Amino acid sequence: MRNIIQQIITLYPNNNLFVTLDSGDAVVGLPGSLILGPDGRTGVFQVTNPQDFPQYLSICSIDTIRIDNATYNDAIVYLPEPTPVPTDCCADCEATIRSLLPVGTNANIITSTQPPTVGTVIRNEYGMIVLANETAATITFISSCSIDLFYT
């Protein structure tokens, strides 16, 4: 998620985001900064709400990031699958979910307690499913490990 957030800050600085968290909470606002922890891998994502109030979201808790009034930017780069590939339960589940959501699939994806994310799969990458909803002019980045339920 950190990799995607870094690119969202650069590529979509003036677009409102709708970020859902694994607690079921959601935040709306403009992308701010990424504040990394001491190991440099995780930390918090600052989102500034419409009242110009900064909110700090734990990167580890982010399920989805929807970008309103946006089209997908092909310059976005994803992290490669790690070598060796993890073999734990989460990794097995993540691989199975990605195998069932190939690019071009129309999907409804549910994470935490938020309403479903609806759209067409435009990217299927290790750890990340990206949906586009052309009708609503939105793109949504979904952590594949956060997917609770989906149907096509």
Protein backbone atom coordinates (compact mmCIF):
# COMPACT_ATOMS: atom_id res chain seq x y z
CA MET A 1 0.00 0.00 0.00
CA ARG A 2 2.91 2.35 0.77
CA ASN A 3 4.14 2.08 -2.82
CA ILE A 4 0.72 3.02 -4.21
CA ILE A 5 0.24 5.89 -1.72
CA GLN A 6 3.56 7.44 -2.74
CA GLN A 7 2.39 7.48 -6.36
CA ILE A 8 -1.11 8.75 -5.54
CA ILE A 9 0.41 11.74 -3.73
CA THR A 10 2.39 12.62 -6.87
CA LEU A 11 -0.10 11.69 -9.60
CA TYR A 12 -3.40 12.75 -8.00
CA PRO A 13 -2.55 15.66 -5.64
CA ASN A 14 -5.80 17.55 -6.29
CA ASN A 15 -8.24 14.64 -6.36
CA ASN A 16 -10.43 13.78 -3.41
CA LEU A 17 -9.80 10.35 -1.95
CA PHE A 18 -12.24 8.08 -0.14
CA VAL A 19 -10.12 5.80 2.05
CA THR A 20 -11.64 2.85 3.91
CA LEU A 21 -10.00 1.23 6.91
CA ASP A 22 -10.22 -2.30 8.28
CA SER A 23 -12.13 -0.89 11.29
CA GLY A 24 -15.00 0.05 8.97
CA ASP A 25 -14.20 3.75 9.27
CA ALA A 26 -13.67 5.95 6.22
CA VAL A 27 -11.91 9.23 5.53
CA VAL A 28 -12.47 11.73 2.72
CA GLY A 29 -9.93 14.33 1.66
CA LEU A 30 -6.94 15.30 -0.41
CA PRO A 31 -3.73 13.26 -0.31
CA GLY A 32 -1.15 14.82 1.97
CA SER A 33 2.12 13.26 2.97
CA LEU A 34 3.43 9.84 3.80
CA ILE A 35 5.17 9.67 7.15
CA LEU A 36 7.30 6.54 7.46
CA GLY A 37 8.20 4.78 10.68
CA PRO A 38 11.74 3.97 11.84
CA ASP A 39 12.01 0.89 9.60
CA GLY A 40 11.04 2.96 6.54
CA ARG A 41 8.43 0.44 5.39
CA THR A 42 5.23 1.44 7.17
CA GLY A 43 3.87 4.48 8.89
CA VAL A 44 0.94 6.83 8.38
CA PHE A 45 -0.75 8.52 5.43
CA GLN A 46 -1.93 12.07 6.00
CA VAL A 47 -5.22 12.95 4.31
CA THR A 48 -6.55 16.51 4.62
CA ASN A 49 -10.34 16.66 4.90
CA PRO A 50 -12.48 19.36 3.23
CA GLN A 51 -12.32 21.49 6.41
CA ASP A 52 -8.50 21.58 6.01
CA PHE A 53 -8.05 19.27 9.00
CA PRO A 54 -5.23 16.69 8.65
CA GLN A 55 -6.07 13.09 9.52
CA TYR A 56 -3.42 10.39 9.97
CA LEU A 57 -4.22 6.86 8.77
CA SER A 58 -2.19 3.79 9.63
CA ILE A 59 -0.95 2.32 6.35
CA CYS A 60 -1.45 -1.16 7.83
CA SER A 61 -5.17 -0.44 8.32
CA ILE A 62 -6.02 0.80 4.81
CA ASP A 63 -8.35 -1.50 2.84
CA THR A 64 -9.15 0.69 -0.18
CA ILE A 65 -8.31 4.04 -1.72
CA ARG A 66 -10.87 5.41 -4.16
CA ILE A 67 -9.91 8.39 -6.28
CA ASP A 68 -12.83 10.48 -7.47
CA ASN A 69 -12.97 12.29 -10.82
CA ALA A 70 -9.97 10.39 -12.09
CA THR A 71 -8.81 8.08 -14.80
CA TYR A 72 -6.17 5.43 -14.32
CA ASN A 73 -2.60 6.60 -14.89
CA ASP A 74 -0.53 3.98 -16.72
CA ALA A 75 2.65 5.39 -15.11
CA ILE A 76 1.76 3.61 -11.84
CA VAL A 77 4.35 0.95 -10.98
CA TYR A 78 3.61 -2.07 -8.79
CA LEU A 79 5.94 -4.07 -6.62
CA PRO A 80 6.97 -7.47 -7.94
CA GLU A 81 5.94 -10.69 -6.26
CA PRO A 82 8.52 -11.48 -3.58
CA THR A 83 11.03 -14.26 -4.02
CA PRO A 84 10.59 -16.72 -2.50
CA VAL A 85 6.82 -16.43 -2.61
CA PRO A 86 5.29 -16.53 0.89
CA THR A 87 3.44 -19.75 1.72
CA ASP A 88 1.32 -18.66 4.67
CA CYS A 89 -2.49 -18.57 4.76
CA CYS A 90 -2.73 -14.90 3.75
CA ALA A 91 -0.45 -15.43 0.74
CA ASP A 92 -2.44 -18.47 -0.40
CA CYS A 93 -5.71 -16.55 -0.07
CA GLU A 94 -4.26 -13.52 -1.89
CA ALA A 95 -3.11 -15.66 -4.84
CA THR A 96 -6.49 -17.38 -5.10
CA ILE A 97 -8.38 -14.07 -5.03
CA ARG A 98 -6.18 -12.68 -7.80
CA SER A 99 -6.72 -15.83 -9.88
CA LEU A 100 -10.50 -15.30 -9.64
CA LEU A 101 -10.38 -11.59 -10.57
CA PRO A 102 -8.58 -11.38 -13.93
CA VAL A 103 -8.34 -8.07 -15.80
CA GLY A 104 -11.64 -7.29 -17.55
CA THR A 105 -13.86 -8.88 -14.87
CA ASN A 106 -16.82 -6.84 -13.64
CA ALA A 107 -16.75 -7.18 -9.86
CA ASN A 108 -18.38 -6.15 -6.60
CA ILE A 109 -15.78 -6.26 -3.83
CA ILE A 110 -16.50 -5.86 -0.13
CA THR A 111 -13.92 -5.00 2.53
CA SER A 112 -14.63 -4.25 6.20
CA THR A 113 -18.12 -2.76 6.63
CA GLN A 114 -18.14 -0.27 3.77
CA PRO A 115 -20.46 -0.56 0.76
CA PRO A 116 -19.08 -2.67 -2.10
CA THR A 117 -16.60 -1.30 -4.58
CA VAL A 118 -18.06 -1.84 -8.03
CA GLY A 119 -16.21 -1.71 -11.32
CA THR A 120 -14.08 -3.49 -13.87
CA VAL A 121 -10.73 -5.00 -12.88
CA ILE A 122 -8.10 -2.97 -14.73
CA ARG A 123 -5.02 -4.19 -12.83
CA ASN A 124 -4.40 -7.46 -11.02
CA GLU A 125 -1.05 -7.19 -9.25
CA TYR A 126 0.59 -8.88 -6.29
CA GLY A 127 -1.22 -7.50 -3.23
CA MET A 128 -3.43 -5.13 -5.23
CA ILE A 129 -6.61 -5.22 -7.30
CA VAL A 130 -7.57 -2.01 -9.13
CA LEU A 131 -11.13 -1.34 -10.27
CA ALA A 132 -12.33 1.39 -12.60
CA ASN A 133 -15.90 2.61 -12.68
CA GLU A 134 -16.15 4.68 -15.85
CA THR A 135 -19.73 5.74 -15.06
CA ALA A 136 -18.71 7.28 -11.74
CA ALA A 137 -15.27 8.41 -13.04
CA THR A 138 -13.47 6.67 -10.18
CA ILE A 139 -10.60 4.26 -9.72
CA THR A 140 -10.14 2.19 -6.59
CA PHE A 141 -7.01 0.50 -5.27
CA ILE A 142 -7.92 -2.50 -3.10
CA SER A 143 -5.51 -4.42 -0.90
CA SER A 144 -6.18 -8.01 -1.99
CA CYS A 145 -5.53 -9.25 1.56
CA SER A 146 -8.38 -7.01 2.78
CA ILE A 147 -11.04 -8.50 0.51
CA ASP A 148 -13.73 -10.15 2.61
CA LEU A 149 -16.22 -11.02 -0.13
CA PHE A 150 -16.56 -10.51 -3.86
CA TYR A 151 -18.83 -11.54 -6.69
CA THR A 152 -18.62 -11.17 -10.44
